[in-house]
């Protein structure tokens, strides 16, 4: 732990609040694309949370976890775009 602890802790709190707001958007909708965008935003927030936690604990393994979450989020977005394209025809 270093002198950046208050900064990292406040960053984690901000990410947690942002995650709650994105989750509320996921529940409220109103349309499927709104929900997918909120899920994508939640994935980005989780990546930021993991990265901040990796800085806080000084463990590099969490960066690999953040990379995996980013890849899964990207694939989910591509799959949804493919689904929308097929449904549009």
C-alpha atoms as a PDB file:
ATOM      1  CA  UNK A   1       0.000   0.000   0.000  1.00  0.00           C
ATOM      2  CA  UNK A   2       1.215   3.459  -0.758  1.00  0.00           C
ATOM      3  CA  UNK A   3       0.269   7.097  -0.477  1.00  0.00           C
ATOM      4  CA  UNK A   4      -2.360   6.658  -3.202  1.00  0.00           C
ATOM      5  CA  UNK A   5      -4.703   4.745  -0.904  1.00  0.00           C
ATOM      6  CA  UNK A   6      -7.278   7.551  -0.450  1.00  0.00           C
ATOM      7  CA  UNK A   7      -7.341   8.147  -4.192  1.00  0.00           C
ATOM      8  CA  UNK A   8      -7.797   4.472  -5.015  1.00  0.00           C
ATOM      9  CA  UNK A   9     -10.461   4.004  -2.354  1.00  0.00           C
ATOM     10  CA  UNK A  10     -12.411   7.031  -3.574  1.00  0.00           C
ATOM     11  CA  UNK A  11     -12.073   5.717  -7.136  1.00  0.00           C
ATOM     12  CA  UNK A  12     -13.509   2.365  -6.060  1.00  0.00           C
ATOM     13  CA  UNK A  13     -16.436   4.129  -4.388  1.00  0.00           C
ATOM     14  CA  UNK A  14     -17.110   6.177  -7.529  1.00  0.00           C
ATOM     15  CA  UNK A  15     -17.032   3.005  -9.645  1.00  0.00           C
ATOM     16  CA  UNK A  16     -19.483   1.351  -7.246  1.00  0.00           C
ATOM     17  CA  UNK A  17     -21.909   4.277  -7.502  1.00  0.00           C
ATOM     18  CA  UNK A  18     -21.591   4.300 -11.295  1.00  0.00           C
ATOM     19  CA  UNK A  19     -22.274   0.564 -11.352  1.00  0.00           C
ATOM     20  CA  UNK A  20     -25.477   1.070  -9.344  1.00  0.00           C
ATOM     21  CA  UNK A  21     -26.680   3.753 -11.799  1.00  0.00           C
ATOM     22  CA  UNK A  22     -25.871   1.535 -14.784  1.00  0.00           C
ATOM     23  CA  UNK A  23     -27.722  -1.354 -13.139  1.00  0.00           C
ATOM     24  CA  UNK A  24     -30.760   0.874 -12.622  1.00  0.00           C
ATOM     25  CA  UNK A  25     -30.674   1.708 -16.351  1.00  0.00           C
ATOM     26  CA  UNK A  26     -30.463  -2.016 -17.081  1.00  0.00           C
ATOM     27  CA  UNK A  27     -33.616  -2.641 -15.060  1.00  0.00           C
ATOM     28  CA  UNK A  28     -35.577   0.340 -16.406  1.00  0.00           C
ATOM     29  CA  UNK A  29     -34.744  -0.079 -20.088  1.00  0.00           C
ATOM     30  CA  UNK A  30     -36.977   0.902 -21.881  1.00  0.00           C
ATOM     31  CA  UNK A  31     -35.675  -0.852 -24.988  1.00  0.00           C
ATOM     32  CA  UNK A  32     -33.350  -3.771 -25.594  1.00  0.00           C
ATOM     33  CA  UNK A  33     -30.545  -1.586 -27.039  1.00  0.00           C
ATOM     34  CA  UNK A  34     -30.681   0.571 -23.887  1.00  0.00           C
ATOM     35  CA  UNK A  35     -30.219  -2.526 -21.783  1.00  0.00           C
ATOM     36  CA  UNK A  36     -27.336  -3.773 -23.916  1.00  0.00           C
ATOM     37  CA  UNK A  37     -25.570  -0.411 -23.696  1.00  0.00           C
ATOM     38  CA  UNK A  38     -25.977  -0.460 -19.919  1.00  0.00           C
ATOM     39  CA  UNK A  39     -24.515  -3.981 -19.788  1.00  0.00           C
ATOM     40  CA  UNK A  40     -21.580  -2.786 -21.868  1.00  0.00           C
ATOM     41  CA  UNK A  41     -21.129   0.176 -19.535  1.00  0.00           C
ATOM     42  CA  UNK A  42     -21.260  -2.175 -16.548  1.00  0.00           C
ATOM     43  CA  UNK A  43     -18.492  -4.264 -18.112  1.00  0.00           C
ATOM     44  CA  UNK A  44     -16.347  -1.150 -18.570  1.00  0.00           C
ATOM     45  CA  UNK A  45     -16.999  -0.125 -14.964  1.00  0.00           C
ATOM     46  CA  UNK A  46     -16.020  -3.595 -13.748  1.00  0.00           C
ATOM     47  CA  UNK A  47     -12.803  -3.367 -15.763  1.00  0.00           C
ATOM     48  CA  UNK A  48     -12.002  -0.020 -14.162  1.00  0.00           C
ATOM     49  CA  UNK A  49     -12.851  -1.388 -10.727  1.00  0.00           C
ATOM     50  CA  UNK A  50     -10.568  -4.382 -11.238  1.00  0.00           C
ATOM     51  CA  UNK A  51      -7.757  -2.152 -12.498  1.00  0.00           C
ATOM     52  CA  UNK A  52      -8.072   0.188  -9.505  1.00  0.00           C
ATOM     53  CA  UNK A  53      -8.144  -2.787  -7.148  1.00  0.00           C
ATOM     54  CA  UNK A  54      -5.027  -4.190  -8.847  1.00  0.00           C
ATOM     55  CA  UNK A  55      -3.269  -0.890  -8.186  1.00  0.00           C
ATOM     56  CA  UNK A  56      -4.486  -0.894  -4.598  1.00  0.00           C
ATOM     57  CA  UNK A  57      -3.284  -4.455  -3.876  1.00  0.00           C
ATOM     58  CA  UNK A  58      -0.243  -4.281  -6.178  1.00  0.00           C
ATOM     59  CA  UNK A  59      -1.148  -7.638  -7.734  1.00  0.00           C
ATOM     60  CA  UNK A  60      -0.637  -7.984 -11.468  1.00  0.00           C
ATOM     61  CA  UNK A  61      -2.904 -11.013 -11.807  1.00  0.00           C
ATOM     62  CA  UNK A  62      -5.961  -8.779 -11.643  1.00  0.00           C
ATOM     63  CA  UNK A  63      -4.886  -7.065 -14.859  1.00  0.00           C
ATOM     64  CA  UNK A  64      -5.275 -10.415 -16.623  1.00  0.00           C
ATOM     65  CA  UNK A  65      -8.760 -10.735 -15.152  1.00  0.00           C
ATOM     66  CA  UNK A  66      -9.626  -7.256 -16.436  1.00  0.00           C
ATOM     67  CA  UNK A  67      -8.392  -8.259 -19.896  1.00  0.00           C
ATOM     68  CA  UNK A  68     -10.624 -11.336 -19.900  1.00  0.00           C
ATOM     69  CA  UNK A  69     -13.642  -9.265 -18.818  1.00  0.00           C
ATOM     70  CA  UNK A  70     -12.893  -6.788 -21.621  1.00  0.00           C
ATOM     71  CA  UNK A  71     -12.749  -9.574 -24.200  1.00  0.00           C
ATOM     72  CA  UNK A  72     -16.014 -11.085 -22.984  1.00  0.00           C
ATOM     73  CA  UNK A  73     -17.696  -7.673 -23.059  1.00  0.00           C
ATOM     74  CA  UNK A  74     -16.442  -7.046 -26.582  1.00  0.00           C
ATOM     75  CA  UNK A  75     -17.684 -10.429 -27.791  1.00  0.00           C
ATOM     76  CA  UNK A  76     -21.077  -9.838 -26.195  1.00  0.00           C
ATOM     77  CA  UNK A  77     -21.375  -6.481 -27.966  1.00  0.00           C
ATOM     78  CA  UNK A  78     -20.420  -8.030 -31.295  1.00  0.00           C
ATOM     79  CA  UNK A  79     -22.939 -10.848 -30.765  1.00  0.00           C
ATOM     80  CA  UNK A  80     -25.696  -8.340 -30.035  1.00  0.00           C
ATOM     81  CA  UNK A  81     -24.826  -6.308 -33.139  1.00  0.00           C
ATOM     82  CA  UNK A  82     -24.961  -9.489 -35.198  1.00  0.00           C
ATOM     83  CA  UNK A  83     -28.349 -10.325 -33.680  1.00  0.00           C
ATOM     84  CA  UNK A  84     -29.724  -6.856 -34.441  1.00  0.00           C
ATOM     85  CA  UNK A  85     -28.445  -7.044 -37.998  1.00  0.00           C
ATOM     86  CA  UNK A  86     -30.102 -10.413 -38.595  1.00  0.00           C
ATOM     87  CA  UNK A  87     -33.401  -9.307 -37.046  1.00  0.00           C
ATOM     88  CA  UNK A  88     -33.432  -6.161 -39.198  1.00  0.00           C
ATOM     89  CA  UNK A  89     -33.628  -8.137 -42.445  1.00  0.00           C
END
